[in-house]
Amino acid sequence: MKKVLLIILVLIVAISYFNGQAEEILIPENAIRFRVIANSNTYEDQALKMKVRDALQADLYFLLKDTKTEEEASQLIESSIPAFSKTIEQVLQGSNQTFQINYGMNYFPEKVYKGVKYADGDYQSLVVTLGEGKGDNWWCVLFPPLCLLEAEETEETTEVEYQFFVKELIDQFFGND
């Protein structure tokens, strides 16, 4: 019985260790990021951030869908800043929210998302800051168009969830649901 418990304990520690490890991904140097920073973490400010994101993501998809190079994408983004500002103004209409839009080198903190670690640093990016910019932010890779692919996906897509067989057995054995 002690051997069985020891083996189970070792398996639990191993599973916890490997599940907690983040794979580090380096985004290509020629990548352009897109970031929207909320005024605060209130529900209203976070919802407004997502509305701005959705509107700009749609604009950016149509603008960049056929671009082949970082230089071409950069020129299109830079020349479209006035149009992006108008889009943001339309989304913010009726609120007292202010915003700033910046295209250039901007700092991004380290982030771990879905087991992938993204390094911190200064990156070429389109950054929209709402109000004081003290809330949580949303960001993605704009070029190559990784987040733009999300903009064209339908809600009917399904995500695949991977599970570890031994962990399932342990959960069943100990009654963890």
C-alpha atoms as a PDB file:
ATOM      1  CA  MET A   1       0.000   0.000   0.000  1.00  0.00           C
ATOM      2  CA  LYS A   2       2.857   2.393   0.805  1.00  0.00           C
ATOM      3  CA  LYS A   3       4.403   1.745  -2.624  1.00  0.00           C
ATOM      4  CA  VAL A   4       1.123   2.537  -4.360  1.00  0.00           C
ATOM      5  CA  LEU A   5       0.732   5.791  -2.423  1.00  0.00           C
ATOM      6  CA  LEU A   6       4.364   6.711  -3.154  1.00  0.00           C
ATOM      7  CA  ILE A   7       3.878   6.077  -6.881  1.00  0.00           C
ATOM      8  CA  ILE A   8       0.689   8.122  -6.881  1.00  0.00           C
ATOM      9  CA  LEU A   9       2.444  10.953  -5.041  1.00  0.00           C
ATOM     10  CA  VAL A  10       5.326  10.925  -7.537  1.00  0.00           C
ATOM     11  CA  LEU A  11       2.846  10.992 -10.435  1.00  0.00           C
ATOM     12  CA  ILE A  12       0.953  13.911  -8.905  1.00  0.00           C
ATOM     13  CA  VAL A  13       4.175  15.887  -8.429  1.00  0.00           C
ATOM     14  CA  ALA A  14       5.306  15.084 -11.979  1.00  0.00           C
ATOM     15  CA  ILE A  15       1.957  16.082 -13.464  1.00  0.00           C
ATOM     16  CA  SER A  16       1.902  19.317 -11.482  1.00  0.00           C
ATOM     17  CA  TYR A  17       5.455  20.118 -12.558  1.00  0.00           C
ATOM     18  CA  PHE A  18       4.876  19.508 -16.261  1.00  0.00           C
ATOM     19  CA  ASN A  19       1.461  21.207 -16.319  1.00  0.00           C
ATOM     20  CA  GLY A  20       2.987  24.285 -14.674  1.00  0.00           C
ATOM     21  CA  GLN A  21       5.809  24.661 -17.185  1.00  0.00           C
ATOM     22  CA  ALA A  22       5.301  27.416 -19.732  1.00  0.00           C
ATOM     23  CA  GLU A  23       6.735  26.972 -23.181  1.00  0.00           C
ATOM     24  CA  GLU A  24       8.570  30.127 -24.212  1.00  0.00           C
ATOM     25  CA  ILE A  25       7.687  31.405 -27.652  1.00  0.00           C
ATOM     26  CA  LEU A  26       9.611  34.181 -29.292  1.00  0.00           C
ATOM     27  CA  ILE A  27       7.488  36.208 -31.642  1.00  0.00           C
ATOM     28  CA  PRO A  28       9.376  37.008 -34.873  1.00  0.00           C
ATOM     29  CA  GLU A  29      11.254  40.310 -34.902  1.00  0.00           C
ATOM     30  CA  ASN A  30       9.250  41.567 -37.880  1.00  0.00           C
ATOM     31  CA  ALA A  31       5.980  41.058 -36.009  1.00  0.00           C
ATOM     32  CA  ILE A  32       3.619  43.942 -35.318  1.00  0.00           C
ATOM     33  CA  ARG A  33       1.506  43.735 -32.194  1.00  0.00           C
ATOM     34  CA  PHE A  34      -1.869  45.259 -31.425  1.00  0.00           C
ATOM     35  CA  ARG A  35      -2.823  46.220 -27.871  1.00  0.00           C
ATOM     36  CA  VAL A  36      -5.829  47.847 -26.212  1.00  0.00           C
ATOM     37  CA  ILE A  37      -5.428  48.991 -22.593  1.00  0.00           C
ATOM     38  CA  ALA A  38      -8.553  49.618 -20.524  1.00  0.00           C
ATOM     39  CA  ASN A  39      -9.041  52.682 -18.352  1.00  0.00           C
ATOM     40  CA  SER A  40      -9.576  50.463 -15.283  1.00  0.00           C
ATOM     41  CA  ASN A  41     -10.696  46.987 -14.325  1.00  0.00           C
ATOM     42  CA  THR A  42     -14.338  47.892 -13.779  1.00  0.00           C
ATOM     43  CA  TYR A  43     -16.800  45.816 -15.761  1.00  0.00           C
ATOM     44  CA  GLU A  44     -17.800  48.854 -17.832  1.00  0.00           C
ATOM     45  CA  ASP A  45     -14.222  49.798 -18.720  1.00  0.00           C
ATOM     46  CA  GLN A  46     -13.310  46.219 -19.625  1.00  0.00           C
ATOM     47  CA  ALA A  47     -16.426  45.915 -21.804  1.00  0.00           C
ATOM     48  CA  LEU A  48     -15.543  49.184 -23.534  1.00  0.00           C
ATOM     49  CA  LYS A  49     -12.022  47.882 -24.160  1.00  0.00           C
ATOM     50  CA  MET A  50     -13.455  44.818 -25.879  1.00  0.00           C
ATOM     51  CA  LYS A  51     -15.788  46.939 -28.035  1.00  0.00           C
ATOM     52  CA  VAL A  52     -12.830  49.055 -29.166  1.00  0.00           C
ATOM     53  CA  ARG A  53     -10.836  45.887 -29.835  1.00  0.00           C
ATOM     54  CA  ASP A  54     -13.630  44.344 -31.898  1.00  0.00           C
ATOM     55  CA  ALA A  55     -14.150  47.466 -33.996  1.00  0.00           C
ATOM     56  CA  LEU A  56     -10.457  47.977 -34.690  1.00  0.00           C
ATOM     57  CA  GLN A  57      -9.865  44.296 -35.317  1.00  0.00           C
ATOM     58  CA  ALA A  58     -12.511  44.369 -38.048  1.00  0.00           C
ATOM     59  CA  ASP A  59     -10.924  47.471 -39.622  1.00  0.00           C
ATOM     60  CA  LEU A  60      -7.466  45.954 -39.382  1.00  0.00           C
ATOM     61  CA  TYR A  61      -8.581  42.674 -40.921  1.00  0.00           C
ATOM     62  CA  PHE A  62      -9.830  44.378 -44.080  1.00  0.00           C
ATOM     63  CA  LEU A  63      -6.812  46.688 -44.184  1.00  0.00           C
ATOM     64  CA  LEU A  64      -4.132  44.012 -43.752  1.00  0.00           C
ATOM     65  CA  LYS A  65      -5.656  40.781 -45.064  1.00  0.00           C
ATOM     66  CA  ASP A  66      -3.606  40.826 -48.277  1.00  0.00           C
ATOM     67  CA  THR A  67      -0.338  42.290 -46.966  1.00  0.00           C
ATOM     68  CA  LYS A  68       2.781  40.247 -47.549  1.00  0.00           C
ATOM     69  CA  THR A  69       5.516  42.178 -45.731  1.00  0.00           C
ATOM     70  CA  GLU A  70       6.005  43.939 -42.426  1.00  0.00           C
ATOM     71  CA  GLU A  71       6.937  47.138 -44.267  1.00  0.00           C
ATOM     72  CA  GLU A  72       3.699  47.112 -46.255  1.00  0.00           C
ATOM     73  CA  ALA A  73       1.658  46.419 -43.096  1.00  0.00           C
ATOM     74  CA  SER A  74       3.485  49.167 -41.213  1.00  0.00           C
ATOM     75  CA  GLN A  75       2.804  51.754 -43.922  1.00  0.00           C
ATOM     76  CA  LEU A  76      -0.877  50.833 -44.085  1.00  0.00           C
ATOM     77  CA  ILE A  77      -1.274  51.019 -40.307  1.00  0.00           C
ATOM     78  CA  GLU A  78       0.543  54.341 -40.024  1.00  0.00           C
ATOM     79  CA  SER A  79      -1.491  55.954 -42.810  1.00  0.00           C
ATOM     80  CA  SER A  80      -4.742  54.657 -41.251  1.00  0.00           C
ATOM     81  CA  ILE A  81      -4.285  56.177 -37.775  1.00  0.00           C
ATOM     82  CA  PRO A  82      -6.846  58.958 -38.512  1.00  0.00           C
ATOM     83  CA  ALA A  83      -9.402  56.347 -39.609  1.00  0.00           C
ATOM     84  CA  PHE A  84      -8.699  54.257 -36.495  1.00  0.00           C
ATOM     85  CA  SER A  85      -9.234  57.362 -34.365  1.00  0.00           C
ATOM     86  CA  LYS A  86     -12.637  57.902 -35.984  1.00  0.00           C
ATOM     87  CA  THR A  87     -13.580  54.270 -35.339  1.00  0.00           C
ATOM     88  CA  ILE A  88     -12.603  54.607 -31.681  1.00  0.00           C
ATOM     89  CA  GLU A  89     -14.540  57.884 -31.367  1.00  0.00           C
ATOM     90  CA  GLN A  90     -17.645  56.138 -32.743  1.00  0.00           C
ATOM     91  CA  VAL A  91     -17.292  53.279 -30.249  1.00  0.00           C
ATOM     92  CA  LEU A  92     -16.762  55.694 -27.347  1.00  0.00           C
ATOM     93  CA  GLN A  93     -19.654  57.942 -28.403  1.00  0.00           C
ATOM     94  CA  GLY A  94     -21.935  58.547 -25.434  1.00  0.00           C
ATOM     95  CA  SER A  95     -19.205  57.836 -22.891  1.00  0.00           C
ATOM     96  CA  ASN A  96     -16.816  60.343 -21.369  1.00  0.00           C
ATOM     97  CA  GLN A  97     -13.855  58.091 -22.146  1.00  0.00           C
ATOM     98  CA  THR A  98     -10.744  59.611 -23.689  1.00  0.00           C
ATOM     99  CA  PHE A  99      -8.139  57.683 -25.660  1.00  0.00           C
ATOM    100  CA  GLN A 100      -4.650  57.817 -27.094  1.00  0.00           C
ATOM    101  CA  ILE A 101      -3.468  55.889 -30.118  1.00  0.00           C
ATOM    102  CA  ASN A 102       0.195  55.197 -30.730  1.00  0.00           C
ATOM    103  CA  TYR A 103       1.996  53.352 -33.479  1.00  0.00           C
ATOM    104  CA  GLY A 104       5.681  52.649 -32.908  1.00  0.00           C
ATOM    105  CA  MET A 105       7.933  50.900 -30.423  1.00  0.00           C
ATOM    106  CA  ASN A 106       6.007  50.188 -27.215  1.00  0.00           C
ATOM    107  CA  TYR A 107       6.844  48.173 -24.114  1.00  0.00           C
ATOM    108  CA  PHE A 108       5.016  44.902 -23.448  1.00  0.00           C
ATOM    109  CA  PRO A 109       5.390  43.074 -20.123  1.00  0.00           C
ATOM    110  CA  GLU A 110       6.052  39.324 -20.001  1.00  0.00           C
ATOM    111  CA  LYS A 111       2.897  37.286 -20.355  1.00  0.00           C
ATOM    112  CA  VAL A 112       2.017  33.610 -19.937  1.00  0.00           C
ATOM    113  CA  TYR A 113      -1.082  32.618 -21.864  1.00  0.00           C
ATOM    114  CA  LYS A 114      -2.341  29.050 -22.323  1.00  0.00           C
ATOM    115  CA  GLY A 115       1.030  27.652 -21.268  1.00  0.00           C
ATOM    116  CA  VAL A 116       2.996  29.858 -23.659  1.00  0.00           C
ATOM    117  CA  LYS A 117       5.388  32.475 -22.301  1.00  0.00           C
ATOM    118  CA  TYR A 118       5.810  35.675 -24.300  1.00  0.00           C
ATOM    119  CA  ALA A 119       8.967  37.639 -23.527  1.00  0.00           C
ATOM    120  CA  ASP A 120       8.800  41.241 -22.380  1.00  0.00           C
ATOM    121  CA  GLY A 121      10.371  44.028 -24.379  1.00  0.00           C
ATOM    122  CA  ASP A 122       9.804  46.862 -26.787  1.00  0.00           C
ATOM    123  CA  TYR A 123       7.863  45.851 -29.888  1.00  0.00           C
ATOM    124  CA  GLN A 124       6.559  47.539 -33.023  1.00  0.00           C
ATOM    125  CA  SER A 125       2.900  47.913 -32.179  1.00  0.00           C
ATOM    126  CA  LEU A 126      -0.392  49.718 -32.469  1.00  0.00           C
ATOM    127  CA  VAL A 127      -1.447  50.635 -28.923  1.00  0.00           C
ATOM    128  CA  VAL A 128      -4.759  52.166 -27.916  1.00  0.00           C
ATOM    129  CA  THR A 129      -4.918  53.436 -24.340  1.00  0.00           C
ATOM    130  CA  LEU A 130      -8.358  54.219 -22.972  1.00  0.00           C
ATOM    131  CA  GLY A 131      -8.587  56.882 -20.259  1.00  0.00           C
ATOM    132  CA  GLU A 132      -5.836  56.472 -17.670  1.00  0.00           C
ATOM    133  CA  GLY A 133      -4.783  53.082 -19.044  1.00  0.00           C
ATOM    134  CA  LYS A 134      -4.670  51.466 -15.602  1.00  0.00           C
ATOM    135  CA  GLY A 135      -6.805  48.445 -16.448  1.00  0.00           C
ATOM    136  CA  ASP A 136      -6.031  45.033 -17.864  1.00  0.00           C
ATOM    137  CA  ASN A 137      -5.037  44.973 -21.482  1.00  0.00           C
ATOM    138  CA  TRP A 138      -5.675  42.753 -24.472  1.00  0.00           C
ATOM    139  CA  TRP A 139      -3.059  42.168 -27.141  1.00  0.00           C
ATOM    140  CA  CYS A 140      -2.251  39.953 -30.069  1.00  0.00           C
ATOM    141  CA  VAL A 141       0.094  39.674 -33.022  1.00  0.00           C
ATOM    142  CA  LEU A 142      -1.219  41.835 -35.836  1.00  0.00           C
ATOM    143  CA  PHE A 143       1.390  40.920 -38.425  1.00  0.00           C
ATOM    144  CA  PRO A 144       1.825  38.152 -39.340  1.00  0.00           C
ATOM    145  CA  PRO A 145      -1.972  38.292 -39.003  1.00  0.00           C
ATOM    146  CA  LEU A 146      -2.499  35.880 -36.107  1.00  0.00           C
ATOM    147  CA  CYS A 147      -5.229  37.842 -34.341  1.00  0.00           C
ATOM    148  CA  LEU A 148      -6.800  38.915 -37.600  1.00  0.00           C
ATOM    149  CA  LEU A 149      -7.537  35.272 -38.297  1.00  0.00           C
ATOM    150  CA  GLU A 150      -9.590  35.311 -35.081  1.00  0.00           C
ATOM    151  CA  ALA A 151     -11.580  38.255 -36.445  1.00  0.00           C
ATOM    152  CA  GLU A 152     -12.783  36.237 -39.431  1.00  0.00           C
ATOM    153  CA  GLU A 153     -13.601  33.056 -37.509  1.00  0.00           C
ATOM    154  CA  THR A 154     -17.200  32.299 -36.697  1.00  0.00           C
ATOM    155  CA  GLU A 155     -18.493  31.522 -33.235  1.00  0.00           C
ATOM    156  CA  GLU A 156     -19.191  27.964 -34.346  1.00  0.00           C
ATOM    157  CA  THR A 157     -15.538  26.959 -34.051  1.00  0.00           C
ATOM    158  CA  THR A 158     -14.749  24.357 -31.446  1.00  0.00           C
ATOM    159  CA  GLU A 159     -11.682  24.152 -29.290  1.00  0.00           C
ATOM    160  CA  VAL A 160     -10.004  20.846 -28.621  1.00  0.00           C
ATOM    161  CA  GLU A 161      -9.288  20.173 -24.980  1.00  0.00           C
ATOM    162  CA  TYR A 162      -6.379  17.847 -24.259  1.00  0.00           C
ATOM    163  CA  GLN A 163      -6.360  15.817 -21.100  1.00  0.00           C
ATOM    164  CA  PHE A 164      -3.669  13.756 -19.476  1.00  0.00           C
ATOM    165  CA  PHE A 165      -4.793  10.119 -19.056  1.00  0.00           C
ATOM    166  CA  VAL A 166      -2.900   9.470 -15.794  1.00  0.00           C
ATOM    167  CA  LYS A 167      -4.278  12.683 -14.283  1.00  0.00           C
ATOM    168  CA  GLU A 168      -7.807  11.549 -15.183  1.00  0.00           C
ATOM    169  CA  LEU A 169      -7.181   8.223 -13.447  1.00  0.00           C
ATOM    170  CA  ILE A 170      -5.882   9.956 -10.335  1.00  0.00           C
ATOM    171  CA  ASP A 171      -8.854  12.320 -10.345  1.00  0.00           C
ATOM    172  CA  GLN A 172     -11.226   9.353 -10.641  1.00  0.00           C
ATOM    173  CA  PHE A 173      -9.378   7.458  -7.894  1.00  0.00           C
ATOM    174  CA  PHE A 174      -9.468  10.380  -5.459  1.00  0.00           C
ATOM    175  CA  GLY A 175     -12.910  11.559  -6.565  1.00  0.00           C
ATOM    176  CA  ASN A 176     -11.813  14.949  -7.966  1.00  0.00           C
ATOM    177  CA  ASP A 177     -14.334  16.204 -10.492  1.00  0.00           C
END
